[in-house]
Amino acid sequence: MEESGEGRVAGEAPRSSDPALDDALKTSVMLYVREEGRHARELARLLRAMDEPIIRKYMSEQLFEHSRRN
């Protein structure tokens, strides 16, 4: 339930040379990605506490990943 690229994306955002990303936006991206990762970890803890399964992959996620890479 955790975004596998969370650390990578949060770490790369501040170092990006993309001219569309000023310092404030780089910081915003980094903070947003970290916060979403925190939400995923909290949800996973809640599901474990309720003895519910954690779904690791969704078909929509797989389709998105495939389209992003092609």
PDB file of N, CA and C in Angstrom:
ATOM      1  N   MET A   1       0.821  -1.178   0.000  1.00  0.00           N
ATOM      2  CA  MET A   1       0.000   0.000   0.000  1.00  0.00           C
ATOM      3  C   MET A   1       0.868   1.246   0.000  1.00  0.00           C
ATOM      4  N   GLU A   2       2.109   1.029  -0.133  1.00  0.00           N
ATOM      5  CA  GLU A   2       3.032   2.156  -0.096  1.00  0.00           C
ATOM      6  C   GLU A   2       3.534   2.444  -1.501  1.00  0.00           C
ATOM      7  N   GLU A   3       3.553   3.683  -1.849  1.00  0.00           N
ATOM      8  CA  GLU A   3       4.059   4.090  -3.153  1.00  0.00           C
ATOM      9  C   GLU A   3       5.531   3.763  -3.227  1.00  0.00           C
ATOM     10  N   SER A   4       5.886   2.887  -4.169  1.00  0.00           N
ATOM     11  CA  SER A   4       7.267   2.416  -4.228  1.00  0.00           C
ATOM     12  C   SER A   4       8.252   3.516  -4.608  1.00  0.00           C
ATOM     13  N   GLY A   5       7.795   4.535  -5.307  1.00  0.00           N
ATOM     14  CA  GLY A   5       8.706   5.595  -5.721  1.00  0.00           C
ATOM     15  C   GLY A   5       8.736   6.785  -4.786  1.00  0.00           C
ATOM     16  N   GLU A   6       8.092   6.662  -3.637  1.00  0.00           N
ATOM     17  CA  GLU A   6       7.965   7.804  -2.727  1.00  0.00           C
ATOM     18  C   GLU A   6       9.309   8.452  -2.416  1.00  0.00           C
ATOM     19  N   GLY A   7      10.262   7.688  -1.936  1.00  0.00           N
ATOM     20  CA  GLY A   7      11.556   8.244  -1.569  1.00  0.00           C
ATOM     21  C   GLY A   7      12.313   8.792  -2.760  1.00  0.00           C
ATOM     22  N   ARG A   8      12.242   8.090  -3.866  1.00  0.00           N
ATOM     23  CA  ARG A   8      12.933   8.526  -5.075  1.00  0.00           C
ATOM     24  C   ARG A   8      12.366   9.834  -5.585  1.00  0.00           C
ATOM     25  N   VAL A   9      11.040   9.904  -5.701  1.00  0.00           N
ATOM     26  CA  VAL A   9      10.405  11.115  -6.234  1.00  0.00           C
ATOM     27  C   VAL A   9      10.624  12.301  -5.294  1.00  0.00           C
ATOM     28  N   ALA A  10      10.435  12.074  -4.000  1.00  0.00           N
ATOM     29  CA  ALA A  10      10.624  13.164  -3.035  1.00  0.00           C
ATOM     30  C   ALA A  10      12.070  13.658  -3.046  1.00  0.00           C
ATOM     31  N   GLY A  11      13.020  12.762  -3.277  1.00  0.00           N
ATOM     32  CA  GLY A  11      14.426  13.148  -3.319  1.00  0.00           C
ATOM     33  C   GLY A  11      14.829  13.827  -4.612  1.00  0.00           C
ATOM     34  N   GLU A  12      14.193  13.427  -5.718  1.00  0.00           N
ATOM     35  CA  GLU A  12      14.545  14.002  -7.015  1.00  0.00           C
ATOM     36  C   GLU A  12      13.922  15.378  -7.247  1.00  0.00           C
ATOM     37  N   ALA A  13      12.774  15.620  -6.681  1.00  0.00           N
ATOM     38  CA  ALA A  13      12.064  16.881  -6.938  1.00  0.00           C
ATOM     39  C   ALA A  13      12.932  18.107  -6.654  1.00  0.00           C
ATOM     40  N   PRO A  14      13.595  18.197  -5.504  1.00  0.00           N
ATOM     41  CA  PRO A  14      14.394  19.398  -5.235  1.00  0.00           C
ATOM     42  C   PRO A  14      15.596  19.564  -6.172  1.00  0.00           C
ATOM     43  N   ARG A  15      16.052  18.483  -6.776  1.00  0.00           N
ATOM     44  CA  ARG A  15      17.230  18.543  -7.657  1.00  0.00           C
ATOM     45  C   ARG A  15      16.860  18.677  -9.134  1.00  0.00           C
ATOM     46  N   SER A  16      15.573  18.730  -9.424  1.00  0.00           N
ATOM     47  CA  SER A  16      15.127  18.782 -10.810  1.00  0.00           C
ATOM     48  C   SER A  16      15.625  20.048 -11.500  1.00  0.00           C
ATOM     49  N   SER A  17      16.011  19.898 -12.757  1.00  0.00           N
ATOM     50  CA  SER A  17      16.437  21.061 -13.546  1.00  0.00           C
ATOM     51  C   SER A  17      15.314  21.532 -14.469  1.00  0.00           C
ATOM     52  N   ASP A  18      14.122  20.982 -14.310  1.00  0.00           N
ATOM     53  CA  ASP A  18      12.974  21.365 -15.129  1.00  0.00           C
ATOM     54  C   ASP A  18      12.670  22.857 -14.896  1.00  0.00           C
ATOM     55  N   PRO A  19      12.673  23.667 -15.949  1.00  0.00           N
ATOM     56  CA  PRO A  19      12.442  25.102 -15.771  1.00  0.00           C
ATOM     57  C   PRO A  19      11.026  25.426 -15.278  1.00  0.00           C
ATOM     58  N   ALA A  20      10.103  24.484 -15.404  1.00  0.00           N
ATOM     59  CA  ALA A  20       8.735  24.716 -14.933  1.00  0.00           C
ATOM     60  C   ALA A  20       8.620  24.589 -13.421  1.00  0.00           C
ATOM     61  N   LEU A  21       9.651  24.051 -12.790  1.00  0.00           N
ATOM     62  CA  LEU A  21       9.625  23.848 -11.336  1.00  0.00           C
ATOM     63  C   LEU A  21      10.497  24.874 -10.631  1.00  0.00           C
ATOM     64  N   ASP A  22       9.863  25.876 -10.045  1.00  0.00           N
ATOM     65  CA  ASP A  22      10.641  26.818  -9.240  1.00  0.00           C
ATOM     66  C   ASP A  22      10.853  26.190  -7.856  1.00  0.00           C
ATOM     67  N   ASP A  23      11.597  26.852  -6.997  1.00  0.00           N
ATOM     68  CA  ASP A  23      11.931  26.268  -5.693  1.00  0.00           C
ATOM     69  C   ASP A  23      10.697  25.953  -4.857  1.00  0.00           C
ATOM     70  N   ALA A  24       9.702  26.833  -4.893  1.00  0.00           N
ATOM     71  CA  ALA A  24       8.486  26.605  -4.111  1.00  0.00           C
ATOM     72  C   ALA A  24       7.737  25.374  -4.612  1.00  0.00           C
ATOM     73  N   LEU A  25       7.658  25.193  -5.924  1.00  0.00           N
ATOM     74  CA  LEU A  25       6.961  24.045  -6.479  1.00  0.00           C
ATOM     75  C   LEU A  25       7.733  22.754  -6.209  1.00  0.00           C
ATOM     76  N   LYS A  26       9.050  22.808  -6.281  1.00  0.00           N
ATOM     77  CA  LYS A  26       9.860  21.627  -5.953  1.00  0.00           C
ATOM     78  C   LYS A  26       9.602  21.192  -4.515  1.00  0.00           C
ATOM     79  N   THR A  27       9.563  22.159  -3.612  1.00  0.00           N
ATOM     80  CA  THR A  27       9.287  21.845  -2.209  1.00  0.00           C
ATOM     81  C   THR A  27       7.880  21.288  -2.054  1.00  0.00           C
ATOM     82  N   SER A  28       6.921  21.870  -2.752  1.00  0.00           N
ATOM     83  CA  SER A  28       5.539  21.399  -2.682  1.00  0.00           C
ATOM     84  C   SER A  28       5.416  19.960  -3.162  1.00  0.00           C
ATOM     85  N   VAL A  29       6.069  19.638  -4.272  1.00  0.00           N
ATOM     86  CA  VAL A  29       6.038  18.268  -4.794  1.00  0.00           C
ATOM     87  C   VAL A  29       6.630  17.311  -3.771  1.00  0.00           C
ATOM     88  N   MET A  30       7.768  17.667  -3.211  1.00  0.00           N
ATOM     89  CA  MET A  30       8.422  16.814  -2.224  1.00  0.00           C
ATOM     90  C   MET A  30       7.510  16.574  -1.015  1.00  0.00           C
ATOM     91  N   LEU A  31       6.925  17.643  -0.488  1.00  0.00           N
ATOM     92  CA  LEU A  31       6.051  17.510   0.681  1.00  0.00           C
ATOM     93  C   LEU A  31       4.782  16.729   0.359  1.00  0.00           C
ATOM     94  N   TYR A  32       4.211  16.948  -0.813  1.00  0.00           N
ATOM     95  CA  TYR A  32       2.998  16.239  -1.225  1.00  0.00           C
ATOM     96  C   TYR A  32       3.262  14.739  -1.323  1.00  0.00           C
ATOM     97  N   VAL A  33       4.339  14.365  -1.967  1.00  0.00           N
ATOM     98  CA  VAL A  33       4.652  12.946  -2.143  1.00  0.00           C
ATOM     99  C   VAL A  33       4.898  12.282  -0.789  1.00  0.00           C
ATOM    100  N   ARG A  34       5.623  12.940   0.083  1.00  0.00           N
ATOM    101  CA  ARG A  34       5.868  12.385   1.420  1.00  0.00           C
ATOM    102  C   ARG A  34       4.571  12.245   2.214  1.00  0.00           C
ATOM    103  N   GLU A  35       3.698  13.238   2.104  1.00  0.00           N
ATOM    104  CA  GLU A  35       2.424  13.176   2.833  1.00  0.00           C
ATOM    105  C   GLU A  35       1.556  12.035   2.319  1.00  0.00           C
ATOM    106  N   GLU A  36       1.520  11.845   1.007  1.00  0.00           N
ATOM    107  CA  GLU A  36       0.746  10.734   0.454  1.00  0.00           C
ATOM    108  C   GLU A  36       1.329   9.396   0.892  1.00  0.00           C
ATOM    109  N   GLY A  37       2.640   9.316   1.000  1.00  0.00           N
ATOM    110  CA  GLY A  37       3.274   8.095   1.509  1.00  0.00           C
ATOM    111  C   GLY A  37       2.888   7.837   2.952  1.00  0.00           C
ATOM    112  N   ARG A  38       2.807   8.910   3.735  1.00  0.00           N
ATOM    113  CA  ARG A  38       2.384   8.771   5.141  1.00  0.00           C
ATOM    114  C   ARG A  38       0.951   8.259   5.205  1.00  0.00           C
ATOM    115  N   HIS A  39       0.078   8.767   4.334  1.00  0.00           N
ATOM    116  CA  HIS A  39      -1.308   8.287   4.306  1.00  0.00           C
ATOM    117  C   HIS A  39      -1.351   6.791   3.988  1.00  0.00           C
ATOM    118  N   ALA A  40      -0.549   6.370   3.040  1.00  0.00           N
ATOM    119  CA  ALA A  40      -0.523   4.944   2.673  1.00  0.00           C
ATOM    120  C   ALA A  40      -0.053   4.091   3.846  1.00  0.00           C
ATOM    121  N   ARG A  41       0.957   4.555   4.562  1.00  0.00           N
ATOM    122  CA  ARG A  41       1.449   3.785   5.721  1.00  0.00           C
ATOM    123  C   ARG A  41       0.401   3.721   6.826  1.00  0.00           C
ATOM    124  N   GLU A  42      -0.297   4.826   7.067  1.00  0.00           N
ATOM    125  CA  GLU A  42      -1.340   4.828   8.097  1.00  0.00           C
ATOM    126  C   GLU A  42      -2.486   3.897   7.722  1.00  0.00           C
ATOM    127  N   LEU A  43      -2.881   3.909   6.465  1.00  0.00           N
ATOM    128  CA  LEU A  43      -3.943   3.015   6.009  1.00  0.00           C
ATOM    129  C   LEU A  43      -3.512   1.564   6.142  1.00  0.00           C
ATOM    130  N   ALA A  44      -2.275   1.261   5.789  1.00  0.00           N
ATOM    131  CA  ALA A  44      -1.779  -0.108   5.928  1.00  0.00           C
ATOM    132  C   ALA A  44      -1.792  -0.551   7.391  1.00  0.00           C
ATOM    133  N   ARG A  45      -1.396   0.334   8.307  1.00  0.00           N
ATOM    134  CA  ARG A  45      -1.443   0.000   9.743  1.00  0.00           C
ATOM    135  C   ARG A  45      -2.870  -0.287  10.194  1.00  0.00           C
ATOM    136  N   LEU A  46      -3.804   0.540   9.735  1.00  0.00           N
ATOM    137  CA  LEU A  46      -5.203   0.351  10.089  1.00  0.00           C
ATOM    138  C   LEU A  46      -5.713  -0.996   9.584  1.00  0.00           C
ATOM    139  N   LEU A  47      -5.409  -1.314   8.335  1.00  0.00           N
ATOM    140  CA  LEU A  47      -5.852  -2.592   7.778  1.00  0.00           C
ATOM    141  C   LEU A  47      -5.245  -3.764   8.530  1.00  0.00           C
ATOM    142  N   ARG A  48      -3.955  -3.677   8.866  1.00  0.00           N
ATOM    143  CA  ARG A  48      -3.325  -4.759   9.644  1.00  0.00           C
ATOM    144  C   ARG A  48      -3.992  -4.910  11.010  1.00  0.00           C
ATOM    145  N   ALA A  49      -4.316  -3.793  11.655  1.00  0.00           N
ATOM    146  CA  ALA A  49      -4.967  -3.836  12.971  1.00  0.00           C
ATOM    147  C   ALA A  49      -6.346  -4.484  12.886  1.00  0.00           C
ATOM    148  N   MET A  50      -6.982  -4.357  11.734  1.00  0.00           N
ATOM    149  CA  MET A  50      -8.311  -4.947  11.534  1.00  0.00           C
ATOM    150  C   MET A  50      -8.222  -6.348  10.924  1.00  0.00           C
ATOM    151  N   ASP A  51      -7.001  -6.866  10.787  1.00  0.00           N
ATOM    152  CA  ASP A  51      -6.768  -8.177  10.153  1.00  0.00           C
ATOM    153  C   ASP A  51      -7.365  -8.257   8.757  1.00  0.00           C
ATOM    154  N   GLU A  52      -7.250  -7.174   8.034  1.00  0.00           N
ATOM    155  CA  GLU A  52      -7.724  -7.125   6.650  1.00  0.00           C
ATOM    156  C   GLU A  52      -6.530  -7.187   5.706  1.00  0.00           C
ATOM    157  N   PRO A  53      -6.724  -7.764   4.526  1.00  0.00           N
ATOM    158  CA  PRO A  53      -5.602  -7.861   3.582  1.00  0.00           C
ATOM    159  C   PRO A  53      -5.248  -6.499   2.991  1.00  0.00           C
ATOM    160  N   ILE A  54      -3.996  -6.344   2.669  1.00  0.00           N
ATOM    161  CA  ILE A  54      -3.517  -5.146   1.981  1.00  0.00           C
ATOM    162  C   ILE A  54      -3.353  -5.511   0.518  1.00  0.00           C
ATOM    163  N   ILE A  55      -4.104  -4.858  -0.321  1.00  0.00           N
ATOM    164  CA  ILE A  55      -4.038  -5.129  -1.756  1.00  0.00           C
ATOM    165  C   ILE A  55      -2.797  -4.429  -2.297  1.00  0.00           C
ATOM    166  N   ARG A  56      -1.940  -5.180  -2.933  1.00  0.00           N
ATOM    167  CA  ARG A  56      -0.661  -4.633  -3.412  1.00  0.00           C
ATOM    168  C   ARG A  56      -0.748  -4.063  -4.822  1.00  0.00           C
ATOM    169  N   LYS A  57      -1.590  -4.634  -5.666  1.00  0.00           N
ATOM    170  CA  LYS A  57      -1.676  -4.174  -7.049  1.00  0.00           C
ATOM    171  C   LYS A  57      -3.129  -4.105  -7.484  1.00  0.00           C
ATOM    172  N   TYR A  58      -3.440  -3.074  -8.233  1.00  0.00           N
ATOM    173  CA  TYR A  58      -4.759  -2.911  -8.829  1.00  0.00           C
ATOM    174  C   TYR A  58      -4.584  -2.927 -10.341  1.00  0.00           C
ATOM    175  N   MET A  59      -5.616  -3.406 -11.041  1.00  0.00           N
ATOM    176  CA  MET A  59      -5.539  -3.424 -12.494  1.00  0.00           C
ATOM    177  C   MET A  59      -5.353  -2.004 -13.032  1.00  0.00           C
ATOM    178  N   SER A  60      -6.060  -1.028 -12.458  1.00  0.00           N
ATOM    179  CA  SER A  60      -5.935   0.347 -12.947  1.00  0.00           C
ATOM    180  C   SER A  60      -4.510   0.865 -12.763  1.00  0.00           C
ATOM    181  N   GLU A  61      -3.866   0.477 -11.668  1.00  0.00           N
ATOM    182  CA  GLU A  61      -2.480   0.887 -11.433  1.00  0.00           C
ATOM    183  C   GLU A  61      -1.556   0.268 -12.475  1.00  0.00           C
ATOM    184  N   GLN A  62      -1.791  -1.003 -12.776  1.00  0.00           N
ATOM    185  CA  GLN A  62      -0.961  -1.678 -13.774  1.00  0.00           C
ATOM    186  C   GLN A  62      -1.140  -1.046 -15.145  1.00  0.00           C
ATOM    187  N   LEU A  63      -2.369  -0.678 -15.493  1.00  0.00           N
ATOM    188  CA  LEU A  63      -2.609  -0.016 -16.776  1.00  0.00           C
ATOM    189  C   LEU A  63      -1.927   1.346 -16.826  1.00  0.00           C
ATOM    190  N   PHE A  64      -2.007   2.089 -15.731  1.00  0.00           N
ATOM    191  CA  PHE A  64      -1.347   3.390 -15.671  1.00  0.00           C
ATOM    192  C   PHE A  64       0.160   3.242 -15.836  1.00  0.00           C
ATOM    193  N   GLU A  65       0.751   2.297 -15.113  1.00  0.00           N
ATOM    194  CA  GLU A  65       2.196   2.085 -15.210  1.00  0.00           C
ATOM    195  C   GLU A  65       2.593   1.695 -16.623  1.00  0.00           C
ATOM    196  N   HIS A  66       1.804   0.832 -17.240  1.00  0.00           N
ATOM    197  CA  HIS A  66       2.102   0.403 -18.607  1.00  0.00           C
ATOM    198  C   HIS A  66       2.048   1.598 -19.567  1.00  0.00           C
ATOM    199  N   SER A  67       0.993   2.412 -19.444  1.00  0.00           N
ATOM    200  CA  SER A  67       0.857   3.557 -20.350  1.00  0.00           C
ATOM    201  C   SER A  67       1.948   4.589 -20.105  1.00  0.00           C
ATOM    202  N   ARG A  68       2.393   4.740 -18.880  1.00  0.00           N
ATOM    203  CA  ARG A  68       3.427   5.709 -18.546  1.00  0.00           C
ATOM    204  C   ARG A  68       4.768   5.297 -19.144  1.00  0.00           C
ATOM    205  N   ARG A  69       4.995   4.017 -19.227  1.00  0.00           N
ATOM    206  CA  ARG A  69       6.297   3.522 -19.723  1.00  0.00           C
ATOM    207  C   ARG A  69       6.353   3.354 -21.227  1.00  0.00           C
ATOM    208  N   ASN A  70       5.216   3.454 -21.872  1.00  0.00           N
ATOM    209  CA  ASN A  70       5.183   3.259 -23.342  1.00  0.00           C
ATOM    210  C   ASN A  70       4.841   4.528 -24.068  1.00  0.00           C
TER     211      ASN A  70
END
